Amino acid sequence: MPRTSIRNILSVAACILSLMLVAGVGSASAEQDGLAKIKAAGVLRVGIAVDPPFTIQEAGGEWKSFNPELVRKLGDYLGVKIEFVATSWTTIVAGLQTNKYDIIGASINATPERQQVIDFTTPYSYTGTSFLIRKDNAKNLKSVEDMNKSEVVVTFVTGSDNDEATRKFLPNATYRAIPNGSVSDLISELESKRSDVLSTSSYLVEPLESKYPYYALPNDPNGVLPVGISWGLPKESPALLDAMNKFLDQETKNGDIDNMKKQWLTVENSLK
C-alpha cells in the first residue's frame, strides 16, 4: 500500500478517535452541567407551593414546615443559598420545564404522568388519594362505585395528583376543581354541602377525621394510586439527581427525616 494511503488512513483514524474523546468529554460535561451551574451561581432556586402539612407559608411570606426546612438543609449540603420561588400546583411542573427554578422542593407526587416529563428523587414519604365524605351525607355513599355518578359532586385542588386520581377513578362524577385551593377550602366545600366528596392526599385522612365527622373511601390507609412523595428536577440531570439522592439517603439514615416528620406533620399543621 502506498505511503500516502497509509497516512490518509491514520489521519482519518486519528480524527475519529479525537471526535470520540470530545464526545465523551461533552457527555460528562452535560451530566455535570446542572449541578455545576447551581454551585457556580451559589444559589439553588426552589419552586415551592403551599401544601399543608408538608409546606406552609406564614402570613409574612416565610416558608415553614417539613419541606422548607429539609430544602434549607439541602442547601447547606450543597454549599449554596436557597432562593424559594412561589408557584402553584397548576403551574409547578411547567415552571421547572421553563427554567423558572432549578428543582421542585414541594411535596410533589411521582405519578407516572409526571415521570414522563421530569425526574424525581428517591421518595421521602408515600401517599395516595383518599375520598372523604360527611357521615350525614344524603346519598349513602359506601364505595368508590357509589361516588362514580353524575349526581355526586367531588372537590379537589386543580392540577394536583388528587385531580388526576379523581378523574381516573371517578370519570362520571361532577367535579368542583379549586385552583390553588387549600385544605380549608376543600373542607369548606364539604361543610357547606356544595360538594359531596373531598378528594385529598391519604396522609390527611387521619387529621381530618380526628376533627370532622367524615369517613374515608376506600378503606385503605394509602388510598388509590399510592406513589412516592419526592422532589422534582429536570430530565437529564444525573449529577444533580445523584447529589440530592445522597443527601436524602444521609438524612434518612441519621434519623433527621423521621424527626422532622414528627415535628412538622402534625394535625394542627395539616389543617392550616
C-alpha atoms as a PDB file:
ATOM      1  CA  MET A   1       0.000   0.000   0.000  1.00  0.00           C
ATOM      2  CA  PRO A   2       1.380   3.476  -0.879  1.00  0.00           C
ATOM      3  CA  ARG A   3       2.643   5.566   2.000  1.00  0.00           C
ATOM      4  CA  THR A   4       0.192   8.338   1.151  1.00  0.00           C
ATOM      5  CA  SER A   5      -2.728   5.927   1.591  1.00  0.00           C
ATOM      6  CA  ILE A   6      -1.387   4.780   4.958  1.00  0.00           C
ATOM      7  CA  ARG A   7      -1.003   8.363   6.050  1.00  0.00           C
ATOM      8  CA  ASN A   8      -4.601   9.102   4.965  1.00  0.00           C
ATOM      9  CA  ILE A   9      -5.937   6.101   6.874  1.00  0.00           C
ATOM     10  CA  LEU A  10      -4.027   7.047  10.016  1.00  0.00           C
ATOM     11  CA  SER A  11      -5.228  10.630   9.678  1.00  0.00           C
ATOM     12  CA  VAL A  12      -8.872   9.559   9.418  1.00  0.00           C
ATOM     13  CA  ALA A  13      -8.476   7.192  12.405  1.00  0.00           C
ATOM     14  CA  ALA A  14      -6.939   9.977  14.470  1.00  0.00           C
ATOM     15  CA  CYS A  15      -9.846  12.264  13.608  1.00  0.00           C
ATOM     16  CA  ILE A  16     -12.395   9.615  14.611  1.00  0.00           C
ATOM     17  CA  LEU A  17     -10.601   8.965  17.919  1.00  0.00           C
ATOM     18  CA  SER A  18     -10.457  12.699  18.583  1.00  0.00           C
ATOM     19  CA  LEU A  19     -14.188  13.084  17.926  1.00  0.00           C
ATOM     20  CA  MET A  20     -14.949  10.147  20.233  1.00  0.00           C
ATOM     21  CA  LEU A  21     -12.890  11.694  23.024  1.00  0.00           C
ATOM     22  CA  VAL A  22     -14.564  15.080  22.557  1.00  0.00           C
ATOM     23  CA  ALA A  23     -17.977  13.430  22.588  1.00  0.00           C
ATOM     24  CA  GLY A  24     -17.096  11.640  25.809  1.00  0.00           C
ATOM     25  CA  VAL A  25     -15.961  14.849  27.463  1.00  0.00           C
ATOM     26  CA  GLY A  26     -19.092  16.620  26.192  1.00  0.00           C
ATOM     27  CA  SER A  27     -21.289  13.886  27.650  1.00  0.00           C
ATOM     28  CA  ALA A  28     -19.545  14.118  31.026  1.00  0.00           C
ATOM     29  CA  SER A  29     -19.854  17.914  30.942  1.00  0.00           C
ATOM     30  CA  ALA A  30     -23.570  17.649  30.174  1.00  0.00           C
ATOM     31  CA  GLU A  31     -24.034  15.352  33.169  1.00  0.00           C
ATOM     32  CA  GLN A  32     -22.292  17.820  35.472  1.00  0.00           C
ATOM     33  CA  ASP A  33     -23.893  20.893  33.924  1.00  0.00           C
ATOM     34  CA  GLY A  34     -26.985  21.309  36.125  1.00  0.00           C
ATOM     35  CA  LEU A  35     -25.178  20.817  39.429  1.00  0.00           C
ATOM     36  CA  ALA A  36     -22.126  22.772  38.262  1.00  0.00           C
ATOM     37  CA  LYS A  37     -24.263  25.765  37.275  1.00  0.00           C
ATOM     38  CA  ILE A  38     -26.008  25.798  40.623  1.00  0.00           C
ATOM     39  CA  LYS A  39     -22.728  25.651  42.527  1.00  0.00           C
ATOM     40  CA  ALA A  40     -21.174  28.320  40.288  1.00  0.00           C
ATOM     41  CA  ALA A  41     -24.143  30.604  40.931  1.00  0.00           C
ATOM     42  CA  GLY A  42     -24.065  29.810  44.653  1.00  0.00           C
ATOM     43  CA  VAL A  43     -27.869  29.676  44.655  1.00  0.00           C
ATOM     44  CA  LEU A  44     -30.395  26.857  44.342  1.00  0.00           C
ATOM     45  CA  ARG A  45     -33.728  28.194  43.025  1.00  0.00           C
ATOM     46  CA  VAL A  46     -36.522  26.116  44.517  1.00  0.00           C
ATOM     47  CA  GLY A  47     -40.084  26.071  43.211  1.00  0.00           C
ATOM     48  CA  ILE A  48     -42.472  25.698  46.110  1.00  0.00           C
ATOM     49  CA  ALA A  49     -46.230  25.723  46.678  1.00  0.00           C
ATOM     50  CA  VAL A  50     -48.441  25.682  49.762  1.00  0.00           C
ATOM     51  CA  ASP A  51     -49.270  22.110  50.776  1.00  0.00           C
ATOM     52  CA  PRO A  52     -50.026  21.614  54.498  1.00  0.00           C
ATOM     53  CA  PRO A  53     -48.631  19.947  56.492  1.00  0.00           C
ATOM     54  CA  PHE A  54     -45.505  19.494  54.334  1.00  0.00           C
ATOM     55  CA  THR A  55     -45.264  23.126  53.219  1.00  0.00           C
ATOM     56  CA  ILE A  56     -46.773  26.150  54.975  1.00  0.00           C
ATOM     57  CA  GLN A  57     -46.426  29.844  54.196  1.00  0.00           C
ATOM     58  CA  GLU A  58     -46.709  32.225  57.120  1.00  0.00           C
ATOM     59  CA  ALA A  59     -48.694  35.477  56.900  1.00  0.00           C
ATOM     60  CA  GLY A  60     -45.441  37.398  56.424  1.00  0.00           C
ATOM     61  CA  GLY A  61     -44.450  35.201  53.487  1.00  0.00           C
ATOM     62  CA  GLU A  62     -41.921  32.970  55.278  1.00  0.00           C
ATOM     63  CA  TRP A  63     -41.893  29.312  54.238  1.00  0.00           C
ATOM     64  CA  LYS A  64     -42.035  26.810  57.090  1.00  0.00           C
ATOM     65  CA  SER A  65     -42.618  23.153  57.916  1.00  0.00           C
ATOM     66  CA  PHE A  66     -41.060  19.917  56.693  1.00  0.00           C
ATOM     67  CA  ASN A  67     -40.148  20.723  53.085  1.00  0.00           C
ATOM     68  CA  PRO A  68     -38.733  24.243  53.547  1.00  0.00           C
ATOM     69  CA  GLU A  69     -36.595  23.049  56.459  1.00  0.00           C
ATOM     70  CA  LEU A  70     -35.343  19.998  54.552  1.00  0.00           C
ATOM     71  CA  VAL A  71     -34.603  22.153  51.497  1.00  0.00           C
ATOM     72  CA  ARG A  72     -32.546  24.534  53.644  1.00  0.00           C
ATOM     73  CA  LYS A  73     -30.526  21.541  54.850  1.00  0.00           C
ATOM     74  CA  LEU A  74     -30.021  20.527  51.220  1.00  0.00           C
ATOM     75  CA  GLY A  75     -28.616  24.000  50.570  1.00  0.00           C
ATOM     76  CA  ASP A  76     -26.100  23.514  53.375  1.00  0.00           C
ATOM     77  CA  TYR A  77     -25.198  20.088  51.984  1.00  0.00           C
ATOM     78  CA  LEU A  78     -24.547  21.513  48.507  1.00  0.00           C
ATOM     79  CA  GLY A  79     -22.871  24.640  49.857  1.00  0.00           C
ATOM     80  CA  VAL A  80     -25.336  27.062  48.236  1.00  0.00           C
ATOM     81  CA  LYS A  81     -28.001  29.531  49.324  1.00  0.00           C
ATOM     82  CA  ILE A  82     -31.694  28.736  48.875  1.00  0.00           C
ATOM     83  CA  GLU A  83     -33.997  31.008  46.898  1.00  0.00           C
ATOM     84  CA  PHE A  84     -37.652  29.990  47.202  1.00  0.00           C
ATOM     85  CA  VAL A  85     -39.785  30.743  44.140  1.00  0.00           C
ATOM     86  CA  ALA A  86     -43.507  30.723  44.948  1.00  0.00           C
ATOM     87  CA  THR A  87     -45.643  28.860  42.432  1.00  0.00           C
ATOM     88  CA  SER A  88     -48.942  26.976  42.305  1.00  0.00           C
ATOM     89  CA  TRP A  89     -49.911  23.364  41.750  1.00  0.00           C
ATOM     90  CA  THR A  90     -51.415  24.250  38.373  1.00  0.00           C
ATOM     91  CA  THR A  91     -48.053  25.531  37.040  1.00  0.00           C
ATOM     92  CA  ILE A  92     -45.408  23.865  39.222  1.00  0.00           C
ATOM     93  CA  VAL A  93     -44.197  21.345  36.611  1.00  0.00           C
ATOM     94  CA  ALA A  94     -44.332  23.878  33.765  1.00  0.00           C
ATOM     95  CA  GLY A  95     -42.247  26.278  35.857  1.00  0.00           C
ATOM     96  CA  LEU A  96     -39.496  23.684  36.173  1.00  0.00           C
ATOM     97  CA  GLN A  97     -39.593  22.968  32.449  1.00  0.00           C
ATOM     98  CA  THR A  98     -39.252  26.684  31.608  1.00  0.00           C
ATOM     99  CA  ASN A  99     -36.301  27.169  34.000  1.00  0.00           C
ATOM    100  CA  LYS A 100     -38.113  29.388  36.492  1.00  0.00           C
ATOM    101  CA  TYR A 101     -36.384  27.326  39.177  1.00  0.00           C
ATOM    102  CA  ASP A 102     -33.793  24.545  39.389  1.00  0.00           C
ATOM    103  CA  ILE A 103     -35.820  21.993  41.356  1.00  0.00           C
ATOM    104  CA  ILE A 104     -39.298  21.474  42.750  1.00  0.00           C
ATOM    105  CA  GLY A 105     -38.941  21.482  46.530  1.00  0.00           C
ATOM    106  CA  ALA A 106     -42.619  20.979  47.282  1.00  0.00           C
ATOM    107  CA  SER A 107     -44.040  17.573  48.188  1.00  0.00           C
ATOM    108  CA  ILE A 108     -44.791  16.517  44.619  1.00  0.00           C
ATOM    109  CA  ASN A 109     -46.082  13.021  43.963  1.00  0.00           C
ATOM    110  CA  ALA A 110     -44.068  10.998  41.469  1.00  0.00           C
ATOM    111  CA  THR A 111     -47.001   9.947  39.298  1.00  0.00           C
ATOM    112  CA  PRO A 112     -46.369   8.049  36.035  1.00  0.00           C
ATOM    113  CA  GLU A 113     -47.668  11.046  34.056  1.00  0.00           C
ATOM    114  CA  ARG A 114     -45.191  13.424  35.680  1.00  0.00           C
ATOM    115  CA  GLN A 115     -42.337  10.945  35.341  1.00  0.00           C
ATOM    116  CA  GLN A 116     -42.650  11.271  31.585  1.00  0.00           C
ATOM    117  CA  VAL A 117     -41.606  14.921  31.670  1.00  0.00           C
ATOM    118  CA  ILE A 118     -39.474  15.418  34.811  1.00  0.00           C
ATOM    119  CA  ASP A 119     -37.274  13.304  37.095  1.00  0.00           C
ATOM    120  CA  PHE A 120     -37.823  12.614  40.777  1.00  0.00           C
ATOM    121  CA  THR A 121     -35.599  11.974  43.753  1.00  0.00           C
ATOM    122  CA  THR A 122     -35.907   8.956  46.000  1.00  0.00           C
ATOM    123  CA  PRO A 123     -39.257   9.295  47.841  1.00  0.00           C
ATOM    124  CA  TYR A 124     -39.074  10.549  51.411  1.00  0.00           C
ATOM    125  CA  SER A 125     -42.702   9.570  52.091  1.00  0.00           C
ATOM    126  CA  TYR A 126     -45.646   7.883  50.381  1.00  0.00           C
ATOM    127  CA  THR A 127     -49.265   8.766  49.776  1.00  0.00           C
ATOM    128  CA  GLY A 128     -52.257   8.083  47.572  1.00  0.00           C
ATOM    129  CA  THR A 129     -55.645   9.736  47.078  1.00  0.00           C
ATOM    130  CA  SER A 130     -58.491   9.229  49.526  1.00  0.00           C
ATOM    131  CA  PHE A 131     -62.099  10.366  49.270  1.00  0.00           C
ATOM    132  CA  LEU A 132     -63.644  11.905  52.382  1.00  0.00           C
ATOM    133  CA  ILE A 133     -67.404  12.056  52.901  1.00  0.00           C
ATOM    134  CA  ARG A 134     -69.637  13.554  55.583  1.00  0.00           C
ATOM    135  CA  LYS A 135     -71.170  10.889  57.810  1.00  0.00           C
ATOM    136  CA  ASP A 136     -74.562  12.590  57.406  1.00  0.00           C
ATOM    137  CA  ASN A 137     -74.435  12.680  53.600  1.00  0.00           C
ATOM    138  CA  ALA A 138     -77.816  12.079  51.986  1.00  0.00           C
ATOM    139  CA  LYS A 139     -76.523   9.978  49.091  1.00  0.00           C
ATOM    140  CA  ASN A 140     -75.454   6.952  51.162  1.00  0.00           C
ATOM    141  CA  LEU A 141     -72.011   6.700  49.575  1.00  0.00           C
ATOM    142  CA  LYS A 142     -70.399   3.442  50.644  1.00  0.00           C
ATOM    143  CA  SER A 143     -67.965   2.599  47.841  1.00  0.00           C
ATOM    144  CA  VAL A 144     -65.883   4.121  45.075  1.00  0.00           C
ATOM    145  CA  GLU A 145     -68.550   2.859  42.657  1.00  0.00           C
ATOM    146  CA  ASP A 146     -71.236   4.815  44.557  1.00  0.00           C
ATOM    147  CA  MET A 147     -69.259   8.036  44.004  1.00  0.00           C
ATOM    148  CA  ASN A 148     -68.844   7.473  40.268  1.00  0.00           C
ATOM    149  CA  LYS A 149     -72.150   9.080  39.296  1.00  0.00           C
ATOM    150  CA  SER A 150     -73.002  12.439  37.766  1.00  0.00           C
ATOM    151  CA  GLU A 151     -75.132  13.432  40.744  1.00  0.00           C
ATOM    152  CA  VAL A 152     -72.133  13.132  43.088  1.00  0.00           C
ATOM    153  CA  VAL A 153     -70.010  16.305  43.334  1.00  0.00           C
ATOM    154  CA  VAL A 154     -66.308  15.813  44.099  1.00  0.00           C
ATOM    155  CA  THR A 155     -63.987  18.664  45.077  1.00  0.00           C
ATOM    156  CA  PHE A 156     -60.193  18.751  44.752  1.00  0.00           C
ATOM    157  CA  VAL A 157     -57.314  21.132  44.101  1.00  0.00           C
ATOM    158  CA  THR A 158     -56.833  21.901  40.411  1.00  0.00           C
ATOM    159  CA  GLY A 159     -53.679  20.351  38.957  1.00  0.00           C
ATOM    160  CA  SER A 160     -52.937  18.200  41.992  1.00  0.00           C
ATOM    161  CA  ASP A 161     -52.294  14.465  41.945  1.00  0.00           C
ATOM    162  CA  ASN A 162     -55.754  14.167  43.528  1.00  0.00           C
ATOM    163  CA  ASP A 163     -57.144  15.895  40.434  1.00  0.00           C
ATOM    164  CA  GLU A 164     -55.555  13.173  38.282  1.00  0.00           C
ATOM    165  CA  ALA A 165     -56.716  10.324  40.533  1.00  0.00           C
ATOM    166  CA  THR A 166     -60.286  11.625  40.784  1.00  0.00           C
ATOM    167  CA  ARG A 167     -60.662  11.919  37.017  1.00  0.00           C
ATOM    168  CA  LYS A 168     -59.290   8.400  36.613  1.00  0.00           C
ATOM    169  CA  PHE A 169     -61.324   6.651  39.309  1.00  0.00           C
ATOM    170  CA  LEU A 170     -64.492   8.766  39.156  1.00  0.00           C
ATOM    171  CA  PRO A 171     -64.872   9.680  35.457  1.00  0.00           C
ATOM    172  CA  ASN A 172     -68.659  10.031  35.715  1.00  0.00           C
ATOM    173  CA  ALA A 173     -68.758  12.257  38.812  1.00  0.00           C
ATOM    174  CA  THR A 174     -69.274  16.025  38.705  1.00  0.00           C
ATOM    175  CA  TYR A 175     -66.128  17.990  39.586  1.00  0.00           C
ATOM    176  CA  ARG A 176     -65.612  21.165  41.611  1.00  0.00           C
ATOM    177  CA  ALA A 177     -61.926  21.898  40.980  1.00  0.00           C
ATOM    178  CA  ILE A 178     -60.484  24.640  43.226  1.00  0.00           C
ATOM    179  CA  PRO A 179     -57.475  26.463  41.664  1.00  0.00           C
ATOM    180  CA  ASN A 180     -54.666  26.864  44.209  1.00  0.00           C
ATOM    181  CA  GLY A 181     -57.041  25.687  46.924  1.00  0.00           C
ATOM    182  CA  SER A 182     -56.056  24.785  50.462  1.00  0.00           C
ATOM    183  CA  VAL A 183     -57.292  22.001  52.720  1.00  0.00           C
ATOM    184  CA  SER A 184     -59.500  24.607  54.395  1.00  0.00           C
ATOM    185  CA  ASP A 185     -61.089  25.438  51.024  1.00  0.00           C
ATOM    186  CA  LEU A 186     -61.911  21.776  50.459  1.00  0.00           C
ATOM    187  CA  ILE A 187     -63.307  21.412  53.987  1.00  0.00           C
ATOM    188  CA  SER A 188     -65.498  24.450  53.336  1.00  0.00           C
ATOM    189  CA  GLU A 189     -66.866  22.724  50.222  1.00  0.00           C
ATOM    190  CA  LEU A 190     -67.866  19.695  52.256  1.00  0.00           C
ATOM    191  CA  GLU A 191     -69.152  21.613  55.276  1.00  0.00           C
ATOM    192  CA  SER A 192     -71.333  23.874  53.115  1.00  0.00           C
ATOM    193  CA  LYS A 193     -72.576  20.774  51.241  1.00  0.00           C
ATOM    194  CA  ARG A 194     -71.654  22.308  47.880  1.00  0.00           C
ATOM    195  CA  SER A 195     -69.695  19.090  47.374  1.00  0.00           C
ATOM    196  CA  ASP A 196     -70.424  15.534  48.472  1.00  0.00           C
ATOM    197  CA  VAL A 197     -66.857  14.240  48.401  1.00  0.00           C
ATOM    198  CA  LEU A 198     -63.460  15.729  49.245  1.00  0.00           C
ATOM    199  CA  SER A 199     -60.544  14.256  47.304  1.00  0.00           C
ATOM    200  CA  THR A 200     -57.204  14.673  49.069  1.00  0.00           C
ATOM    201  CA  SER A 201     -53.887  13.031  49.942  1.00  0.00           C
ATOM    202  CA  SER A 202     -54.254   9.949  52.114  1.00  0.00           C
ATOM    203  CA  TYR A 203     -51.894  11.320  54.793  1.00  0.00           C
ATOM    204  CA  LEU A 204     -54.541  13.970  55.586  1.00  0.00           C
ATOM    205  CA  VAL A 205     -57.278  11.439  56.334  1.00  0.00           C
ATOM    206  CA  GLU A 206     -56.373  10.818  59.968  1.00  0.00           C
ATOM    207  CA  PRO A 207     -56.069  14.512  60.958  1.00  0.00           C
ATOM    208  CA  LEU A 208     -59.306  15.401  59.169  1.00  0.00           C
ATOM    209  CA  GLU A 209     -61.230  12.501  60.696  1.00  0.00           C
ATOM    210  CA  SER A 210     -59.947  13.494  64.132  1.00  0.00           C
ATOM    211  CA  LYS A 211     -61.640  16.891  63.834  1.00  0.00           C
ATOM    212  CA  TYR A 212     -64.590  16.431  61.464  1.00  0.00           C
ATOM    213  CA  PRO A 213     -67.377  13.816  61.205  1.00  0.00           C
ATOM    214  CA  TYR A 214     -66.011  12.297  57.985  1.00  0.00           C
ATOM    215  CA  TYR A 215     -65.234   8.804  56.761  1.00  0.00           C
ATOM    216  CA  ALA A 216     -62.826   7.795  54.015  1.00  0.00           C
ATOM    217  CA  LEU A 217     -63.108   5.593  50.952  1.00  0.00           C
ATOM    218  CA  PRO A 218     -61.539   3.262  50.019  1.00  0.00           C
ATOM    219  CA  ASN A 219     -60.726   1.644  53.344  1.00  0.00           C
ATOM    220  CA  ASP A 220     -57.012   1.661  52.667  1.00  0.00           C
ATOM    221  CA  PRO A 221     -54.527   3.901  54.517  1.00  0.00           C
ATOM    222  CA  ASN A 222     -52.729   4.590  51.213  1.00  0.00           C
ATOM    223  CA  GLY A 223     -55.876   5.381  49.247  1.00  0.00           C
ATOM    224  CA  VAL A 224     -55.798   4.858  45.477  1.00  0.00           C
ATOM    225  CA  LEU A 225     -52.764   5.254  43.212  1.00  0.00           C
ATOM    226  CA  PRO A 226     -50.205   5.315  46.065  1.00  0.00           C
ATOM    227  CA  VAL A 227     -46.918   6.876  44.932  1.00  0.00           C
ATOM    228  CA  GLY A 228     -43.762   8.313  46.418  1.00  0.00           C
ATOM    229  CA  ILE A 229     -43.606  11.914  47.635  1.00  0.00           C
ATOM    230  CA  SER A 230     -40.396  13.347  46.245  1.00  0.00           C
ATOM    231  CA  TRP A 231     -38.628  16.404  44.914  1.00  0.00           C
ATOM    232  CA  GLY A 232     -38.641  17.075  41.177  1.00  0.00           C
ATOM    233  CA  LEU A 233     -35.832  18.116  38.851  1.00  0.00           C
ATOM    234  CA  PRO A 234     -35.278  18.435  35.096  1.00  0.00           C
ATOM    235  CA  LYS A 235     -34.648  15.410  32.913  1.00  0.00           C
ATOM    236  CA  GLU A 236     -31.040  14.634  32.030  1.00  0.00           C
ATOM    237  CA  SER A 237     -29.590  15.976  35.289  1.00  0.00           C
ATOM    238  CA  PRO A 238     -27.836  12.860  36.644  1.00  0.00           C
ATOM    239  CA  ALA A 239     -25.221  14.681  38.732  1.00  0.00           C
ATOM    240  CA  LEU A 240     -27.857  16.830  40.461  1.00  0.00           C
ATOM    241  CA  LEU A 241     -30.147  13.829  40.965  1.00  0.00           C
ATOM    242  CA  ASP A 242     -27.282  11.800  42.454  1.00  0.00           C
ATOM    243  CA  ALA A 243     -26.360  14.609  44.869  1.00  0.00           C
ATOM    244  CA  MET A 244     -29.962  15.070  46.008  1.00  0.00           C
ATOM    245  CA  ASN A 245     -30.483  11.331  46.491  1.00  0.00           C
ATOM    246  CA  LYS A 246     -27.257  11.040  48.507  1.00  0.00           C
ATOM    247  CA  PHE A 247     -28.481  13.888  50.725  1.00  0.00           C
ATOM    248  CA  LEU A 248     -31.886  12.247  51.269  1.00  0.00           C
ATOM    249  CA  ASP A 249     -30.213   8.907  51.998  1.00  0.00           C
ATOM    250  CA  GLN A 250     -27.991  10.614  54.587  1.00  0.00           C
ATOM    251  CA  GLU A 251     -30.945  12.342  56.244  1.00  0.00           C
ATOM    252  CA  THR A 252     -32.915   9.092  56.333  1.00  0.00           C
ATOM    253  CA  LYS A 253     -30.082   7.077  57.864  1.00  0.00           C
ATOM    254  CA  ASN A 254     -29.259   9.684  60.534  1.00  0.00           C
ATOM    255  CA  GLY A 255     -32.923   9.861  61.587  1.00  0.00           C
ATOM    256  CA  ASP A 256     -33.417  13.542  60.748  1.00  0.00           C
ATOM    257  CA  ILE A 257     -36.256  12.925  58.270  1.00  0.00           C
ATOM    258  CA  ASP A 258     -38.222  10.878  60.817  1.00  0.00           C
ATOM    259  CA  ASN A 259     -37.628  13.521  63.490  1.00  0.00           C
ATOM    260  CA  MET A 260     -38.753  16.301  61.157  1.00  0.00           C
ATOM    261  CA  LYS A 261     -41.920  14.378  60.277  1.00  0.00           C
ATOM    262  CA  LYS A 262     -42.781  14.121  63.967  1.00  0.00           C
ATOM    263  CA  GLN A 263     -42.109  17.838  64.423  1.00  0.00           C
ATOM    264  CA  TRP A 264     -43.973  19.195  61.397  1.00  0.00           C
ATOM    265  CA  LEU A 265     -46.521  16.655  60.123  1.00  0.00           C
ATOM    266  CA  THR A 266     -48.993  17.306  62.908  1.00  0.00           C
ATOM    267  CA  VAL A 267     -52.790  17.534  62.988  1.00  0.00           C
ATOM    268  CA  GLU A 268     -52.539  21.280  63.605  1.00  0.00           C
ATOM    269  CA  ASN A 269     -50.279  21.861  60.594  1.00  0.00           C
ATOM    270  CA  SER A 270     -52.376  19.558  58.407  1.00  0.00           C
ATOM    271  CA  LEU A 271     -55.399  21.805  58.877  1.00  0.00           C
ATOM    272  CA  LYS A 272     -53.677  25.105  58.054  1.00  0.00           C
END
